Protein backbone atom coordinates (compact mmCIF):
# COMPACT_ATOMS: atom_id res chain seq x y z
CA UNK A 1 55.18 13.70 -8.07
CA UNK A 2 54.44 16.21 -10.75
CA UNK A 3 50.98 14.69 -11.24
CA UNK A 4 50.28 14.83 -7.51
CA UNK A 5 51.36 18.46 -7.35
CA UNK A 6 49.09 19.25 -10.28
CA UNK A 7 46.11 17.47 -8.60
CA UNK A 8 46.76 19.34 -5.33
CA UNK A 9 46.94 22.57 -7.31
CA UNK A 10 43.51 21.86 -8.82
CA UNK A 11 41.78 20.43 -5.73
CA UNK A 12 43.42 22.69 -3.14
CA UNK A 13 41.48 25.83 -3.98
CA UNK A 14 38.25 23.80 -3.98
CA UNK A 15 38.79 22.52 -0.44
CA UNK A 16 36.81 25.41 1.08
CA UNK A 17 33.90 24.70 -1.28
CA UNK A 18 33.89 20.99 -0.31
CA UNK A 19 34.08 21.81 3.40
CA UNK A 20 31.25 24.33 3.09
CA UNK A 21 29.14 21.81 1.17
CA UNK A 22 29.81 19.13 3.81
CA UNK A 23 28.87 21.53 6.61
CA UNK A 24 25.63 22.51 4.84
CA UNK A 25 24.78 18.84 4.24
CA UNK A 26 25.36 18.04 7.93
CA UNK A 27 23.22 21.00 8.99
CA UNK A 28 20.46 19.87 6.61
CA UNK A 29 20.58 16.32 8.05
CA UNK A 30 20.35 17.70 11.60
CA UNK A 31 17.41 19.94 10.66
CA UNK A 32 15.63 17.01 9.01
CA UNK A 33 16.23 14.85 12.08
CA UNK A 34 14.85 17.58 14.36
CA UNK A 35 11.86 18.05 12.06
CA UNK A 36 11.12 14.30 12.10
CA UNK A 37 11.32 14.27 15.90
CA UNK A 38 8.61 16.93 15.92
CA UNK A 39 6.19 14.73 13.97
CA UNK A 40 3.47 12.97 15.91
CA UNK A 41 4.27 9.74 14.06
CA UNK A 42 7.79 9.77 15.48
CA UNK A 43 6.60 10.62 18.99
CA UNK A 44 4.08 7.75 19.08
CA UNK A 45 6.76 5.25 18.14
CA UNK A 46 7.17 5.44 14.37
CA UNK A 47 6.06 2.99 11.71
CA UNK A 48 6.26 -0.08 13.95
CA UNK A 49 3.88 1.48 16.47
CA UNK A 50 1.60 2.65 13.67
CA UNK A 51 1.43 -0.87 12.21
CA UNK A 52 0.50 -2.28 15.63
CA UNK A 53 -2.11 0.45 16.07
CA UNK A 54 -3.69 -0.18 12.65
CA UNK A 55 -3.87 -3.94 13.31
CA UNK A 56 -5.46 -3.45 16.73
CA UNK A 57 -7.75 -0.72 15.39
CA UNK A 58 -9.22 -2.88 12.63
CA UNK A 59 -9.59 -5.86 14.96
CA UNK A 60 -11.82 -3.61 17.08
CA UNK A 61 -13.75 -2.17 14.14
CA UNK A 62 -14.77 -5.51 12.66
CA UNK A 63 -15.96 -6.71 16.08
CA UNK A 64 -18.28 -3.69 16.40
CA UNK A 65 -21.74 -4.78 15.21
CA UNK A 66 -22.58 -1.28 14.01
CA UNK A 67 -19.44 -1.07 11.87
CA UNK A 68 -18.84 -4.67 10.75
CA UNK A 69 -21.33 -4.52 7.83
CA UNK A 70 -19.23 -1.82 6.17
CA UNK A 71 -16.26 -4.21 6.05
CA UNK A 72 -18.06 -7.18 4.48
CA UNK A 73 -16.26 -8.32 1.35
CA UNK A 74 -13.35 -5.95 1.94
CA UNK A 75 -9.74 -7.14 1.71
CA UNK A 76 -8.66 -6.07 5.18
CA UNK A 77 -4.94 -6.31 4.43
CA UNK A 78 -5.28 -3.85 1.54
CA UNK A 79 -7.44 -1.59 3.71
CA UNK A 80 -4.82 -1.65 6.48
CA UNK A 81 -2.13 -0.60 4.01
CA UNK A 82 -4.28 2.36 2.90
CA UNK A 83 -5.06 3.30 6.51
CA UNK A 84 -1.40 3.19 7.47
CA UNK A 85 -0.48 5.44 4.53
CA UNK A 86 -3.21 7.89 5.50
CA UNK A 87 -2.07 7.99 9.13
CA UNK A 88 1.57 8.38 8.10
CA UNK A 89 0.59 11.42 6.10
CA UNK A 90 -1.79 12.78 8.75
CA UNK A 91 0.76 12.38 11.54
CA UNK A 92 3.69 13.87 9.61
CA UNK A 93 3.06 16.45 6.93
CA UNK A 94 0.07 16.67 4.62
CA UNK A 95 1.16 17.84 1.15
CA UNK A 96 -0.34 21.19 0.19
CA UNK A 97 -1.82 19.72 -3.01
CA UNK A 98 -3.87 17.09 -1.12
CA UNK A 99 -7.48 17.97 -0.31
CA UNK A 100 -7.97 15.55 2.57
CA UNK A 101 -11.72 16.14 2.94
CA UNK A 102 -12.34 15.58 -0.76
CA UNK A 103 -10.25 12.40 -0.74
CA UNK A 104 -12.07 11.10 2.35
CA UNK A 105 -15.43 11.74 0.71
CA UNK A 106 -14.36 9.93 -2.47
CA UNK A 107 -12.94 6.96 -0.56
CA UNK A 108 -16.13 6.56 1.51
CA UNK A 109 -18.70 7.42 -1.17
CA UNK A 110 -19.86 3.82 -1.61
CA UNK A 111 -20.22 3.51 2.16
CA UNK A 112 -22.27 6.71 2.45
CA UNK A 113 -24.73 5.09 0.06
CA UNK A 114 -24.92 2.17 2.50
CA UNK A 115 -25.77 4.50 5.37
CA UNK A 116 -22.36 5.47 6.76
CA UNK A 117 -22.63 8.74 8.69
CA UNK A 118 -21.24 10.76 11.59
CA UNK A 119 -22.47 8.30 14.23
CA UNK A 120 -20.23 5.70 12.63
CA UNK A 121 -17.38 8.22 12.57
CA UNK A 122 -17.90 8.73 16.31
CA UNK A 123 -17.72 4.97 16.90
CA UNK A 124 -14.56 4.71 14.81
CA UNK A 125 -13.02 7.63 16.71
CA UNK A 126 -13.84 5.94 20.01
CA UNK A 127 -12.13 2.73 18.85
CA UNK A 128 -9.16 4.78 17.64
CA UNK A 129 -8.71 6.40 21.07
CA UNK A 130 -9.17 3.07 22.86
CA UNK A 131 -6.61 1.46 20.54
CA UNK A 132 -3.99 4.09 21.34
CA UNK A 133 -4.76 3.84 25.07
CA UNK A 134 -4.47 0.04 24.89
CA UNK A 135 -1.05 0.40 23.25
CA UNK A 136 0.14 2.74 26.01
CA UNK A 137 0.33 5.95 23.98
CA UNK A 138 0.55 9.02 26.23
CA UNK A 139 -2.75 10.90 26.60
CA UNK A 140 -1.26 14.16 25.29
CA UNK A 141 -0.28 12.37 22.06
CA UNK A 142 -3.73 10.78 21.80
CA UNK A 143 -5.27 14.23 22.19
CA UNK A 144 -3.00 15.55 19.45
CA UNK A 145 -3.98 12.67 17.13
CA UNK A 146 -7.66 13.27 17.83
CA UNK A 147 -7.12 16.95 17.02
CA UNK A 148 -5.85 15.92 13.59
CA UNK A 149 -8.60 13.39 12.85
CA UNK A 150 -11.66 15.05 14.46
CA UNK A 151 -12.12 17.78 11.81
CA UNK A 152 -12.88 15.01 9.29
CA UNK A 153 -16.18 14.33 11.08
CA UNK A 154 -17.84 16.95 8.87
CA UNK A 155 -17.10 14.77 5.83
CA UNK A 156 -19.22 12.04 7.41
CA UNK A 157 -22.00 14.46 8.33
CA UNK A 158 -22.19 15.63 4.70
CA UNK A 159 -21.66 12.15 3.29
CA UNK A 160 -24.32 10.69 5.55
CA UNK A 161 -26.85 13.28 4.40
CA UNK A 162 -26.04 12.79 0.72
CA UNK A 163 -26.14 9.01 1.15
CA UNK A 164 -29.54 9.22 2.85
CA UNK A 165 -30.90 11.35 -0.02
CA UNK A 166 -29.58 8.91 -2.63
CA UNK A 167 -30.90 5.93 -0.69
CA UNK A 168 -34.35 7.56 -0.39
CA UNK A 169 -34.40 8.30 -4.13
CA UNK A 170 -33.32 4.73 -4.91
CA UNK A 171 -36.13 3.35 -2.72
CA UNK A 172 -38.70 5.55 -4.49
CA UNK A 173 -37.42 4.51 -7.91
CA UNK A 174 -37.42 0.89 -6.84
CA UNK A 175 -41.13 1.13 -5.91
CA UNK A 176 -41.95 2.71 -9.28
CA UNK A 177 -40.03 0.01 -11.15
CA UNK A 178 -41.53 -2.83 -9.10
CA UNK A 179 -45.08 -1.59 -9.81
CA UNK A 180 -44.27 -1.78 -13.51
CA UNK A 181 -42.92 -5.32 -13.13
CA UNK A 182 -39.24 -4.34 -13.46
CA UNK A 183 -36.32 -4.46 -11.10
CA UNK A 184 -33.97 -1.57 -10.34
CA UNK A 185 -30.36 -2.70 -10.29
């Protein structure tokens, strides 16, 4: 009994601290839950809906004759994982240290050299909207998603122009090399 009394004597005064900590933890959990409910990702159906959307989206993209060449030789499962991660970030909270436009340019650089430009972005955006409509996402949520993605079009305008310049230079160099009996690789 003496040991119990001693433990109560030690823990008793700390009870208020524990109760306050528990209340703050509960409040924090409730705030986090409310914050998550505000995210577009949550409102469109969460990760399961996003996975279905990415699968449907890429099925549409590879069937589009204007876009299919950009996917030749690409591991589509790996690409889907990257797309899902991007959309999770875009539809929740983009970290302040992430320069989305710079990352998009880097990720598509090789494709800009193959002629990717804003017209392709427009086609992809159209398929994105049609995918969400097909999956029954409410129009107001589709509009919100488009509002997040649409500003990235400028990356494809700039990338398309830089890719066209590089392609033109490569063609000129190729002619010079071929006249001299060499091949540009």
